[in-house]
Amino acid sequence: MDVLVARIGKPHGIRGEVTVQLFTDAPEDRFDAGETFRVEGAAVTELTVVRARWNKDILIVGFEQVADRNQAETLRGAQLFIDTDEADDEDDAWYEHELVGLDARVDGRSVGKVTGLRTMAVQDLLVVELADGHEALVPFVGEIVPEVDPGAGFVSIVPPAGLFDLNTPGSNQAPDDGDDIAAAEGEARE
């Protein structure tokens, strides 16, 4: 199965290099010289890495098939994929397609379904649609998600207090019309 590794951004310089938005935890491994990607959303179907370097926190990549800025511009928005059969298997590494659809359980009881994985700079987040229809973002770390069992069809979650309430309507929001604030100020004056 193919896995999305990156999306090509804007050209960088005049030598055909591009910026990439990463969807991988191991960019140093994925963007070694000689690595080849299947491409969707561009006229080319395959790109081979010639060079990759960091410019602050942005990865800049040069491809064998791209000689100048004009060619690089035609790649903007294209997606880069690898075949997971060729990818290194790690015990604690998961791809989104392996997680989506798994039952999310707290203390053995179902609280919802995993609907996505957001790969972030600091840590990944599991997107869980709760039974009441609201979405919860669960930090995908061992302390909070101690067990992932695709074979049995579930992930175990040990949520910190209030985690599932963060995105529900009315949570972490100021009063809409300010009546509660005005009432509280009036009581304080009396």
C-alpha atoms as a PDB file:
ATOM      1  CA  MET A   1       0.000   0.000   0.000  1.00  0.00           C
ATOM      2  CA  ASP A   2       1.241   3.490  -0.823  1.00  0.00           C
ATOM      3  CA  VAL A   3       1.775   5.991   1.969  1.00  0.00           C
ATOM      4  CA  LEU A   4       1.895   9.770   1.572  1.00  0.00           C
ATOM      5  CA  VAL A   5       5.346  11.027   2.627  1.00  0.00           C
ATOM      6  CA  ALA A   6       5.250  14.682   1.519  1.00  0.00           C
ATOM      7  CA  ARG A   7       3.535  17.351  -0.554  1.00  0.00           C
ATOM      8  CA  ILE A   8       5.640  19.568  -2.792  1.00  0.00           C
ATOM      9  CA  GLY A   9       5.477  23.274  -2.035  1.00  0.00           C
ATOM     10  CA  LYS A  10       6.941  26.236  -3.850  1.00  0.00           C
ATOM     11  CA  PRO A  11      10.190  26.311  -5.823  1.00  0.00           C
ATOM     12  CA  HIS A  12      13.333  27.363  -3.958  1.00  0.00           C
ATOM     13  CA  GLY A  13      16.010  29.118  -5.969  1.00  0.00           C
ATOM     14  CA  ILE A  14      16.733  28.614  -9.675  1.00  0.00           C
ATOM     15  CA  ARG A  15      18.241  25.085  -9.671  1.00  0.00           C
ATOM     16  CA  GLY A  16      14.901  23.241  -9.575  1.00  0.00           C
ATOM     17  CA  GLU A  17      14.767  22.668  -5.823  1.00  0.00           C
ATOM     18  CA  VAL A  18      11.420  22.685  -4.001  1.00  0.00           C
ATOM     19  CA  THR A  19      10.156  22.949  -0.456  1.00  0.00           C
ATOM     20  CA  VAL A  20       8.214  19.977   0.889  1.00  0.00           C
ATOM     21  CA  GLN A  21       5.512  19.636   3.533  1.00  0.00           C
ATOM     22  CA  LEU A  22       6.421  16.475   5.435  1.00  0.00           C
ATOM     23  CA  PHE A  23       4.091  13.670   6.494  1.00  0.00           C
ATOM     24  CA  THR A  24       6.844  11.368   7.773  1.00  0.00           C
ATOM     25  CA  ASP A  25       8.666  11.001  11.057  1.00  0.00           C
ATOM     26  CA  ALA A  26      11.927  10.112   9.294  1.00  0.00           C
ATOM     27  CA  PRO A  27      12.678  12.736   6.629  1.00  0.00           C
ATOM     28  CA  GLU A  28      16.433  12.063   6.882  1.00  0.00           C
ATOM     29  CA  ASP A  29      15.824   8.451   5.782  1.00  0.00           C
ATOM     30  CA  ARG A  30      13.083   9.137   3.226  1.00  0.00           C
ATOM     31  CA  PHE A  31      14.971  11.901   1.399  1.00  0.00           C
ATOM     32  CA  ASP A  32      18.397  10.279   1.015  1.00  0.00           C
ATOM     33  CA  ALA A  33      19.985  10.711  -2.411  1.00  0.00           C
ATOM     34  CA  GLY A  34      18.685   7.984  -4.711  1.00  0.00           C
ATOM     35  CA  GLU A  35      15.319   7.536  -2.976  1.00  0.00           C
ATOM     36  CA  THR A  36      12.459   7.369  -5.489  1.00  0.00           C
ATOM     37  CA  PHE A  37       8.857   8.458  -4.970  1.00  0.00           C
ATOM     38  CA  ARG A  38       5.652   7.776  -6.866  1.00  0.00           C
ATOM     39  CA  VAL A  39       4.051  11.133  -7.736  1.00  0.00           C
ATOM     40  CA  GLU A  40       0.385  12.138  -7.902  1.00  0.00           C
ATOM     41  CA  GLY A  41      -0.814  15.515  -9.120  1.00  0.00           C
ATOM     42  CA  ALA A  42       1.951  16.287 -11.628  1.00  0.00           C
ATOM     43  CA  ALA A  43       2.904  15.369 -15.182  1.00  0.00           C
ATOM     44  CA  VAL A  44       5.778  13.194 -13.937  1.00  0.00           C
ATOM     45  CA  THR A  45       4.942   9.888 -12.264  1.00  0.00           C
ATOM     46  CA  GLU A  46       8.241   9.335 -10.461  1.00  0.00           C
ATOM     47  CA  LEU A  47      10.864  11.549  -8.827  1.00  0.00           C
ATOM     48  CA  THR A  48      14.335  10.576  -7.580  1.00  0.00           C
ATOM     49  CA  VAL A  49      16.091  12.587  -4.861  1.00  0.00           C
ATOM     50  CA  VAL A  50      19.461  14.085  -5.823  1.00  0.00           C
ATOM     51  CA  ARG A  51      19.938  16.253  -2.735  1.00  0.00           C
ATOM     52  CA  ALA A  52      18.057  17.334   0.366  1.00  0.00           C
ATOM     53  CA  ARG A  53      18.961  19.971   2.923  1.00  0.00           C
ATOM     54  CA  TRP A  54      17.365  21.888   5.731  1.00  0.00           C
ATOM     55  CA  ASN A  55      16.801  25.641   5.596  1.00  0.00           C
ATOM     56  CA  LYS A  56      15.827  26.386   9.200  1.00  0.00           C
ATOM     57  CA  ASP A  57      12.843  24.052   9.686  1.00  0.00           C
ATOM     58  CA  ILE A  58      11.971  23.612   5.983  1.00  0.00           C
ATOM     59  CA  LEU A  59      13.265  20.696   3.927  1.00  0.00           C
ATOM     60  CA  ILE A  60      14.538  21.711   0.475  1.00  0.00           C
ATOM     61  CA  VAL A  61      14.778  18.875  -2.072  1.00  0.00           C
ATOM     62  CA  GLY A  62      16.322  18.606  -5.525  1.00  0.00           C
ATOM     63  CA  PHE A  63      15.141  15.868  -7.893  1.00  0.00           C
ATOM     64  CA  GLU A  64      16.973  14.211 -10.785  1.00  0.00           C
ATOM     65  CA  GLN A  65      14.081  14.942 -13.168  1.00  0.00           C
ATOM     66  CA  VAL A  66      13.859  18.686 -12.340  1.00  0.00           C
ATOM     67  CA  ALA A  67      16.514  20.998 -13.800  1.00  0.00           C
ATOM     68  CA  ASP A  68      15.186  24.517 -13.195  1.00  0.00           C
ATOM     69  CA  ARG A  69      12.672  26.712 -11.417  1.00  0.00           C
ATOM     70  CA  ASN A  70      10.112  26.484 -14.250  1.00  0.00           C
ATOM     71  CA  GLN A  71      10.005  22.689 -13.988  1.00  0.00           C
ATOM     72  CA  ALA A  72       9.861  22.940 -10.189  1.00  0.00           C
ATOM     73  CA  GLU A  73       6.830  25.232 -10.433  1.00  0.00           C
ATOM     74  CA  THR A  74       4.890  22.512 -12.321  1.00  0.00           C
ATOM     75  CA  LEU A  75       5.289  20.220  -9.282  1.00  0.00           C
ATOM     76  CA  ARG A  76       3.620  22.554  -6.774  1.00  0.00           C
ATOM     77  CA  GLY A  77       0.970  20.625  -4.827  1.00  0.00           C
ATOM     78  CA  ALA A  78       2.075  17.199  -6.110  1.00  0.00           C
ATOM     79  CA  GLN A  79       2.088  14.395  -3.542  1.00  0.00           C
ATOM     80  CA  LEU A  80       5.004  12.008  -2.959  1.00  0.00           C
ATOM     81  CA  PHE A  81       4.284   8.392  -2.018  1.00  0.00           C
ATOM     82  CA  ILE A  82       6.295   5.318  -1.021  1.00  0.00           C
ATOM     83  CA  ASP A  83       5.239   1.681  -1.038  1.00  0.00           C
ATOM     84  CA  THR A  84       4.851   0.499   2.578  1.00  0.00           C
ATOM     85  CA  ASP A  85       5.987  -2.995   1.588  1.00  0.00           C
ATOM     86  CA  GLU A  86       9.413  -1.457   0.973  1.00  0.00           C
ATOM     87  CA  ALA A  87       9.330   0.788   4.057  1.00  0.00           C
ATOM     88  CA  ASP A  88      11.176  -0.139   7.231  1.00  0.00           C
ATOM     89  CA  ASP A  89       8.892  -1.740   9.787  1.00  0.00           C
ATOM     90  CA  GLU A  90       9.161  -0.441  13.343  1.00  0.00           C
ATOM     91  CA  ASP A  91       7.180  -1.857  16.251  1.00  0.00           C
ATOM     92  CA  ASP A  92       6.006   1.561  17.433  1.00  0.00           C
ATOM     93  CA  ALA A  93       5.553   3.245  14.037  1.00  0.00           C
ATOM     94  CA  TRP A  94       2.096   3.445  12.511  1.00  0.00           C
ATOM     95  CA  TYR A  95       0.741   4.725   9.235  1.00  0.00           C
ATOM     96  CA  GLU A  96      -2.592   6.505   9.086  1.00  0.00           C
ATOM     97  CA  HIS A  97      -4.188   3.763   6.976  1.00  0.00           C
ATOM     98  CA  GLU A  98      -3.374   1.250   9.747  1.00  0.00           C
ATOM     99  CA  LEU A  99      -5.143   3.354  12.393  1.00  0.00           C
ATOM    100  CA  VAL A 100      -8.250   4.721  10.655  1.00  0.00           C
ATOM    101  CA  GLY A 101     -11.339   2.729  11.597  1.00  0.00           C
ATOM    102  CA  LEU A 102      -9.913   1.264  14.799  1.00  0.00           C
ATOM    103  CA  ASP A 103     -12.160   1.286  17.847  1.00  0.00           C
ATOM    104  CA  ALA A 104     -10.990   3.788  20.491  1.00  0.00           C
ATOM    105  CA  ARG A 105     -11.339   2.235  23.952  1.00  0.00           C
ATOM    106  CA  VAL A 106     -11.042   3.614  27.469  1.00  0.00           C
ATOM    107  CA  ASP A 107     -10.933   0.980  30.230  1.00  0.00           C
ATOM    108  CA  GLY A 108     -12.042  -1.625  27.679  1.00  0.00           C
ATOM    109  CA  ARG A 109     -15.200   0.205  26.578  1.00  0.00           C
ATOM    110  CA  SER A 110     -15.634   1.857  23.207  1.00  0.00           C
ATOM    111  CA  VAL A 111     -15.718   5.671  23.175  1.00  0.00           C
ATOM    112  CA  GLY A 112     -15.469   6.203  19.413  1.00  0.00           C
ATOM    113  CA  LYS A 113     -13.484   5.500  16.228  1.00  0.00           C
ATOM    114  CA  VAL A 114     -10.118   6.680  14.957  1.00  0.00           C
ATOM    115  CA  THR A 115     -10.759   8.807  11.861  1.00  0.00           C
ATOM    116  CA  GLY A 116      -7.295  10.168  11.165  1.00  0.00           C
ATOM    117  CA  LEU A 117      -3.723  10.893  12.195  1.00  0.00           C
ATOM    118  CA  ARG A 118      -2.285  14.403  12.216  1.00  0.00           C
ATOM    119  CA  THR A 119       1.481  14.402  11.919  1.00  0.00           C
ATOM    120  CA  MET A 120       2.747  17.405  13.846  1.00  0.00           C
ATOM    121  CA  ALA A 121       6.215  18.823  14.517  1.00  0.00           C
ATOM    122  CA  VAL A 122       6.286  17.981  18.223  1.00  0.00           C
ATOM    123  CA  GLN A 123       3.996  14.945  18.409  1.00  0.00           C
ATOM    124  CA  ASP A 124       1.347  13.220  16.360  1.00  0.00           C
ATOM    125  CA  LEU A 125      -2.352  13.411  17.201  1.00  0.00           C
ATOM    126  CA  LEU A 126      -4.970  10.701  16.755  1.00  0.00           C
ATOM    127  CA  VAL A 127      -8.261  12.104  15.501  1.00  0.00           C
ATOM    128  CA  VAL A 128     -11.077  10.264  17.276  1.00  0.00           C
ATOM    129  CA  GLU A 129     -14.758  10.706  16.491  1.00  0.00           C
ATOM    130  CA  LEU A 130     -16.493  10.188  19.807  1.00  0.00           C
ATOM    131  CA  ALA A 131     -19.805   8.353  20.154  1.00  0.00           C
ATOM    132  CA  ASP A 132     -21.615  11.704  20.612  1.00  0.00           C
ATOM    133  CA  GLY A 133     -20.317  12.871  17.215  1.00  0.00           C
ATOM    134  CA  HIS A 134     -17.672  15.288  18.490  1.00  0.00           C
ATOM    135  CA  GLU A 135     -14.027  15.079  17.475  1.00  0.00           C
ATOM    136  CA  ALA A 136     -11.209  14.628  19.990  1.00  0.00           C
ATOM    137  CA  LEU A 137      -7.508  15.119  19.290  1.00  0.00           C
ATOM    138  CA  VAL A 138      -5.528  12.584  21.304  1.00  0.00           C
ATOM    139  CA  PRO A 139      -1.747  12.982  21.725  1.00  0.00           C
ATOM    140  CA  PHE A 140      -0.293   9.843  20.143  1.00  0.00           C
ATOM    141  CA  VAL A 141       2.225   9.092  22.883  1.00  0.00           C
ATOM    142  CA  GLY A 142       2.780   5.893  24.861  1.00  0.00           C
ATOM    143  CA  GLU A 143       1.418   7.272  28.147  1.00  0.00           C
ATOM    144  CA  ILE A 144      -1.927   8.225  26.585  1.00  0.00           C
ATOM    145  CA  VAL A 145      -2.182   5.547  23.861  1.00  0.00           C
ATOM    146  CA  PRO A 146      -0.431   2.559  25.461  1.00  0.00           C
ATOM    147  CA  GLU A 147      -1.807  -0.105  23.113  1.00  0.00           C
ATOM    148  CA  VAL A 148      -2.402  -0.200  19.364  1.00  0.00           C
ATOM    149  CA  ASP A 149      -3.739  -3.515  18.057  1.00  0.00           C
ATOM    150  CA  PRO A 150      -4.834  -3.343  14.405  1.00  0.00           C
ATOM    151  CA  GLY A 151      -5.328  -7.117  14.344  1.00  0.00           C
ATOM    152  CA  ALA A 152      -7.908  -6.918  17.130  1.00  0.00           C
ATOM    153  CA  GLY A 153      -9.246  -3.613  15.734  1.00  0.00           C
ATOM    154  CA  PHE A 154      -8.653  -1.202  18.612  1.00  0.00           C
ATOM    155  CA  VAL A 155      -6.462   1.355  20.345  1.00  0.00           C
ATOM    156  CA  SER A 156      -6.464   1.779  24.126  1.00  0.00           C
ATOM    157  CA  ILE A 157      -6.541   5.328  25.424  1.00  0.00           C
ATOM    158  CA  VAL A 158      -5.749   6.563  28.931  1.00  0.00           C
ATOM    159  CA  PRO A 159      -7.070  10.121  28.624  1.00  0.00           C
ATOM    160  CA  PRO A 160      -6.000  12.897  30.966  1.00  0.00           C
ATOM    161  CA  ALA A 161      -8.949  14.542  32.739  1.00  0.00           C
ATOM    162  CA  GLY A 162     -10.981  16.679  30.324  1.00  0.00           C
ATOM    163  CA  LEU A 163      -9.273  15.489  27.114  1.00  0.00           C
ATOM    164  CA  PHE A 164     -12.514  14.437  25.442  1.00  0.00           C
ATOM    165  CA  ASP A 165     -14.254  17.689  26.463  1.00  0.00           C
ATOM    166  CA  LEU A 166     -11.775  20.066  24.789  1.00  0.00           C
ATOM    167  CA  ASN A 167     -13.540  20.313  21.418  1.00  0.00           C
ATOM    168  CA  THR A 168     -17.140  20.041  22.538  1.00  0.00           C
ATOM    169  CA  PRO A 169     -19.425  23.052  21.990  1.00  0.00           C
ATOM    170  CA  GLY A 170     -19.146  25.528  24.847  1.00  0.00           C
ATOM    171  CA  SER A 171     -15.815  24.279  26.151  1.00  0.00           C
ATOM    172  CA  ASN A 172     -12.990  26.778  26.488  1.00  0.00           C
ATOM    173  CA  GLN A 173     -15.206  29.513  25.071  1.00  0.00           C
ATOM    174  CA  ALA A 174     -16.180  32.891  26.493  1.00  0.00           C
ATOM    175  CA  PRO A 175     -19.882  33.668  26.882  1.00  0.00           C
ATOM    176  CA  ASP A 176     -21.399  34.637  23.531  1.00  0.00           C
ATOM    177  CA  ASP A 177     -23.212  37.804  24.597  1.00  0.00           C
ATOM    178  CA  GLY A 178     -21.327  38.835  27.731  1.00  0.00           C
ATOM    179  CA  ASP A 179     -24.439  38.508  29.963  1.00  0.00           C
ATOM    180  CA  ASP A 180     -22.583  36.236  32.389  1.00  0.00           C
ATOM    181  CA  ILE A 181     -19.782  38.774  32.729  1.00  0.00           C
ATOM    182  CA  ALA A 182     -22.174  41.712  33.211  1.00  0.00           C
ATOM    183  CA  ALA A 183     -24.159  39.736  35.817  1.00  0.00           C
ATOM    184  CA  ALA A 184     -21.003  38.829  37.708  1.00  0.00           C
ATOM    185  CA  GLU A 185     -19.826  42.478  37.721  1.00  0.00           C
ATOM    186  CA  GLY A 186     -23.256  43.595  38.969  1.00  0.00           C
ATOM    187  CA  GLU A 187     -23.166  41.086  41.837  1.00  0.00           C
ATOM    188  CA  ALA A 188     -19.642  42.191  42.770  1.00  0.00           C
ATOM    189  CA  ARG A 189     -20.810  45.837  43.071  1.00  0.00           C
ATOM    190  CA  GLU A 190     -23.746  45.013  45.323  1.00  0.00           C
END
